[in-house]
Amino acid sequence: MSEENTSPLDEIKGAFVGSLVRNNKKIREDRAIAIAEAAQMIYKREVEDLQMQIKQRKREREAMLDLSPTTADSLVLASDFDAKQFVSKDIQIGIDIRNLEIKLEIAQTRYTNLFTDGK
């Protein structure tokens, strides 16, 4: 080959030059992969976080039924038990659980739709 047909880029090697000269389709593909992987990872984490929050709230609700403050043999005195507070907190936890379940259902449906072949 003659020197007229060679480009200075032919003499420079490495990832940097390769990245600069790659074609538009490859650039778009690389960007799409990076965006899709990031979104999928965050969606997956969000689903897992919601599942954990639901479990924690259910455990908290169950723990409210334990009215033995110090040992298995002790009980809360009737005069020390605030029924109104108990009911309010129990209902609020129920609402929190239901809201988290709705969010989880939406997140799982969208994750399936966006990142798997399932419909």
C-alpha atoms as a PDB file:
ATOM      1  CA  MET A   1       0.000   0.000   0.000  1.00  0.00           C
ATOM      2  CA  SER A   2       1.089   3.505  -0.573  1.00  0.00           C
ATOM      3  CA  GLU A   3       1.416   6.070   2.172  1.00  0.00           C
ATOM      4  CA  GLU A   4      -1.323   8.171   0.542  1.00  0.00           C
ATOM      5  CA  ASN A   5      -3.991   5.576   1.442  1.00  0.00           C
ATOM      6  CA  THR A   6      -3.058   5.241   5.099  1.00  0.00           C
ATOM      7  CA  SER A   7      -4.618   7.371   7.772  1.00  0.00           C
ATOM      8  CA  PRO A   8      -2.851   8.609  10.897  1.00  0.00           C
ATOM      9  CA  LEU A   9      -5.558   6.720  12.814  1.00  0.00           C
ATOM     10  CA  ASP A  10      -4.268   3.466  11.322  1.00  0.00           C
ATOM     11  CA  GLU A  11      -1.067   3.960  13.288  1.00  0.00           C
ATOM     12  CA  ILE A  12      -2.767   4.784  16.610  1.00  0.00           C
ATOM     13  CA  LYS A  13      -4.271   1.801  18.369  1.00  0.00           C
ATOM     14  CA  GLY A  14      -6.244   1.323  21.558  1.00  0.00           C
ATOM     15  CA  ALA A  15      -9.700   1.637  23.037  1.00  0.00           C
ATOM     16  CA  PHE A  16      -9.766   5.421  22.882  1.00  0.00           C
ATOM     17  CA  VAL A  17      -9.277   5.616  19.120  1.00  0.00           C
ATOM     18  CA  GLY A  18     -11.558   2.637  18.631  1.00  0.00           C
ATOM     19  CA  SER A  19     -14.262   4.437  20.555  1.00  0.00           C
ATOM     20  CA  LEU A  20     -13.813   7.606  18.495  1.00  0.00           C
ATOM     21  CA  VAL A  21     -14.110   5.877  15.140  1.00  0.00           C
ATOM     22  CA  ARG A  22     -16.900   3.394  15.848  1.00  0.00           C
ATOM     23  CA  ASN A  23     -19.997   3.881  13.760  1.00  0.00           C
ATOM     24  CA  ASN A  24     -23.236   5.559  14.776  1.00  0.00           C
ATOM     25  CA  LYS A  25     -25.158   2.272  15.083  1.00  0.00           C
ATOM     26  CA  LYS A  26     -22.585   0.875  17.506  1.00  0.00           C
ATOM     27  CA  ILE A  27     -22.653   4.087  19.573  1.00  0.00           C
ATOM     28  CA  ARG A  28     -26.455   3.940  19.834  1.00  0.00           C
ATOM     29  CA  GLU A  29     -26.314   0.251  20.731  1.00  0.00           C
ATOM     30  CA  ASP A  30     -23.733   0.850  23.478  1.00  0.00           C
ATOM     31  CA  ARG A  31     -25.811   3.685  24.921  1.00  0.00           C
ATOM     32  CA  ALA A  32     -28.981   1.601  24.798  1.00  0.00           C
ATOM     33  CA  ILE A  33     -27.283  -1.250  26.635  1.00  0.00           C
ATOM     34  CA  ALA A  34     -25.953   1.065  29.335  1.00  0.00           C
ATOM     35  CA  ILE A  35     -29.346   2.735  29.840  1.00  0.00           C
ATOM     36  CA  ALA A  36     -31.290  -0.536  29.814  1.00  0.00           C
ATOM     37  CA  GLU A  37     -28.921  -2.251  32.268  1.00  0.00           C
ATOM     38  CA  ALA A  38     -29.077   0.682  34.687  1.00  0.00           C
ATOM     39  CA  ALA A  39     -32.872   0.901  34.541  1.00  0.00           C
ATOM     40  CA  GLN A  40     -33.292  -2.859  34.912  1.00  0.00           C
ATOM     41  CA  MET A  41     -30.981  -2.979  37.922  1.00  0.00           C
ATOM     42  CA  ILE A  42     -32.788  -0.109  39.649  1.00  0.00           C
ATOM     43  CA  TYR A  43     -36.213  -1.634  38.892  1.00  0.00           C
ATOM     44  CA  LYS A  44     -35.086  -4.997  40.270  1.00  0.00           C
ATOM     45  CA  ARG A  45     -33.762  -3.347  43.434  1.00  0.00           C
ATOM     46  CA  GLU A  46     -36.999  -1.399  43.854  1.00  0.00           C
ATOM     47  CA  VAL A  47     -39.051  -4.616  43.626  1.00  0.00           C
ATOM     48  CA  GLU A  48     -36.784  -6.284  46.192  1.00  0.00           C
ATOM     49  CA  ASP A  49     -36.944  -3.245  48.497  1.00  0.00           C
ATOM     50  CA  LEU A  50     -40.740  -3.214  48.352  1.00  0.00           C
ATOM     51  CA  GLN A  51     -40.866  -6.924  49.165  1.00  0.00           C
ATOM     52  CA  MET A  52     -38.612  -6.341  52.173  1.00  0.00           C
ATOM     53  CA  GLN A  53     -40.646  -3.360  53.381  1.00  0.00           C
ATOM     54  CA  ILE A  54     -43.835  -5.445  53.230  1.00  0.00           C
ATOM     55  CA  LYS A  55     -42.224  -8.219  55.286  1.00  0.00           C
ATOM     56  CA  GLN A  56     -40.941  -5.714  57.850  1.00  0.00           C
ATOM     57  CA  ARG A  57     -44.313  -4.012  58.242  1.00  0.00           C
ATOM     58  CA  LYS A  58     -46.074  -7.399  58.634  1.00  0.00           C
ATOM     59  CA  ARG A  59     -43.552  -8.406  61.299  1.00  0.00           C
ATOM     60  CA  GLU A  60     -44.057  -5.078  63.058  1.00  0.00           C
ATOM     61  CA  ARG A  61     -47.802  -5.648  63.055  1.00  0.00           C
ATOM     62  CA  GLU A  62     -47.398  -9.147  64.475  1.00  0.00           C
ATOM     63  CA  ALA A  63     -44.994  -7.850  67.135  1.00  0.00           C
ATOM     64  CA  MET A  64     -47.711  -5.488  68.350  1.00  0.00           C
ATOM     65  CA  LEU A  65     -49.616  -8.552  69.553  1.00  0.00           C
ATOM     66  CA  ASP A  66     -46.825  -9.378  71.980  1.00  0.00           C
ATOM     67  CA  LEU A  67     -48.078  -7.733  75.135  1.00  0.00           C
ATOM     68  CA  SER A  68     -45.381  -9.159  77.391  1.00  0.00           C
ATOM     69  CA  PRO A  69     -42.929  -6.271  77.648  1.00  0.00           C
ATOM     70  CA  THR A  70     -40.112  -7.946  79.577  1.00  0.00           C
ATOM     71  CA  THR A  71     -40.500 -11.734  79.659  1.00  0.00           C
ATOM     72  CA  ALA A  72     -42.810 -14.370  78.285  1.00  0.00           C
ATOM     73  CA  ASP A  73     -44.469 -14.570  81.713  1.00  0.00           C
ATOM     74  CA  SER A  74     -45.208 -10.858  82.129  1.00  0.00           C
ATOM     75  CA  LEU A  75     -48.160  -9.019  80.637  1.00  0.00           C
ATOM     76  CA  VAL A  76     -49.074  -5.394  80.119  1.00  0.00           C
ATOM     77  CA  LEU A  77     -51.504  -4.224  82.777  1.00  0.00           C
ATOM     78  CA  ALA A  78     -54.919  -3.302  81.495  1.00  0.00           C
ATOM     79  CA  SER A  79     -54.472   0.194  82.873  1.00  0.00           C
ATOM     80  CA  ASP A  80     -51.215   0.607  80.910  1.00  0.00           C
ATOM     81  CA  PHE A  81     -52.690  -0.530  77.588  1.00  0.00           C
ATOM     82  CA  ASP A  82     -53.757   2.290  75.266  1.00  0.00           C
ATOM     83  CA  ALA A  83     -56.389   0.643  73.075  1.00  0.00           C
ATOM     84  CA  LYS A  84     -56.934   3.739  70.917  1.00  0.00           C
ATOM     85  CA  GLN A  85     -53.221   3.977  70.125  1.00  0.00           C
ATOM     86  CA  PHE A  86     -53.072   0.232  69.421  1.00  0.00           C
ATOM     87  CA  VAL A  87     -55.993   0.382  66.990  1.00  0.00           C
ATOM     88  CA  SER A  88     -54.685   3.501  65.238  1.00  0.00           C
ATOM     89  CA  LYS A  89     -51.230   2.019  64.781  1.00  0.00           C
ATOM     90  CA  ASP A  90     -52.635  -1.337  63.625  1.00  0.00           C
ATOM     91  CA  ILE A  91     -54.831   0.345  61.017  1.00  0.00           C
ATOM     92  CA  GLN A  92     -51.976   2.584  59.841  1.00  0.00           C
ATOM     93  CA  ILE A  93     -49.668  -0.405  59.412  1.00  0.00           C
ATOM     94  CA  GLY A  94     -52.448  -2.166  57.464  1.00  0.00           C
ATOM     95  CA  ILE A  95     -52.758   0.854  55.176  1.00  0.00           C
ATOM     96  CA  ASP A  96     -48.971   0.997  54.749  1.00  0.00           C
ATOM     97  CA  ILE A  97     -48.872  -2.700  53.840  1.00  0.00           C
ATOM     98  CA  ARG A  98     -51.684  -2.293  51.314  1.00  0.00           C
ATOM     99  CA  ASN A  99     -49.992   0.723  49.705  1.00  0.00           C
ATOM    100  CA  LEU A 100     -46.701  -1.161  49.498  1.00  0.00           C
ATOM    101  CA  GLU A 101     -48.483  -4.153  47.941  1.00  0.00           C
ATOM    102  CA  ILE A 102     -50.023  -1.883  45.299  1.00  0.00           C
ATOM    103  CA  LYS A 103     -46.618  -0.356  44.526  1.00  0.00           C
ATOM    104  CA  LEU A 104     -45.081  -3.829  44.369  1.00  0.00           C
ATOM    105  CA  GLU A 105     -47.747  -5.082  41.972  1.00  0.00           C
ATOM    106  CA  ILE A 106     -47.218  -2.077  39.693  1.00  0.00           C
ATOM    107  CA  ALA A 107     -43.416  -2.398  39.834  1.00  0.00           C
ATOM    108  CA  GLN A 108     -43.489  -6.144  39.110  1.00  0.00           C
ATOM    109  CA  THR A 109     -45.890  -5.696  36.199  1.00  0.00           C
ATOM    110  CA  ARG A 110     -43.795  -2.919  34.689  1.00  0.00           C
ATOM    111  CA  TYR A 111     -40.546  -4.824  35.246  1.00  0.00           C
ATOM    112  CA  THR A 112     -41.995  -7.838  33.433  1.00  0.00           C
ATOM    113  CA  ASN A 113     -43.284  -5.639  30.629  1.00  0.00           C
ATOM    114  CA  LEU A 114     -40.086  -3.639  30.222  1.00  0.00           C
ATOM    115  CA  PHE A 115     -37.379  -6.249  30.764  1.00  0.00           C
ATOM    116  CA  THR A 116     -38.752  -9.708  29.915  1.00  0.00           C
ATOM    117  CA  ASP A 117     -40.608 -11.285  27.049  1.00  0.00           C
ATOM    118  CA  GLY A 118     -43.660 -11.916  29.259  1.00  0.00           C
ATOM    119  CA  LYS A 119     -46.729  -9.765  28.961  1.00  0.00           C
END
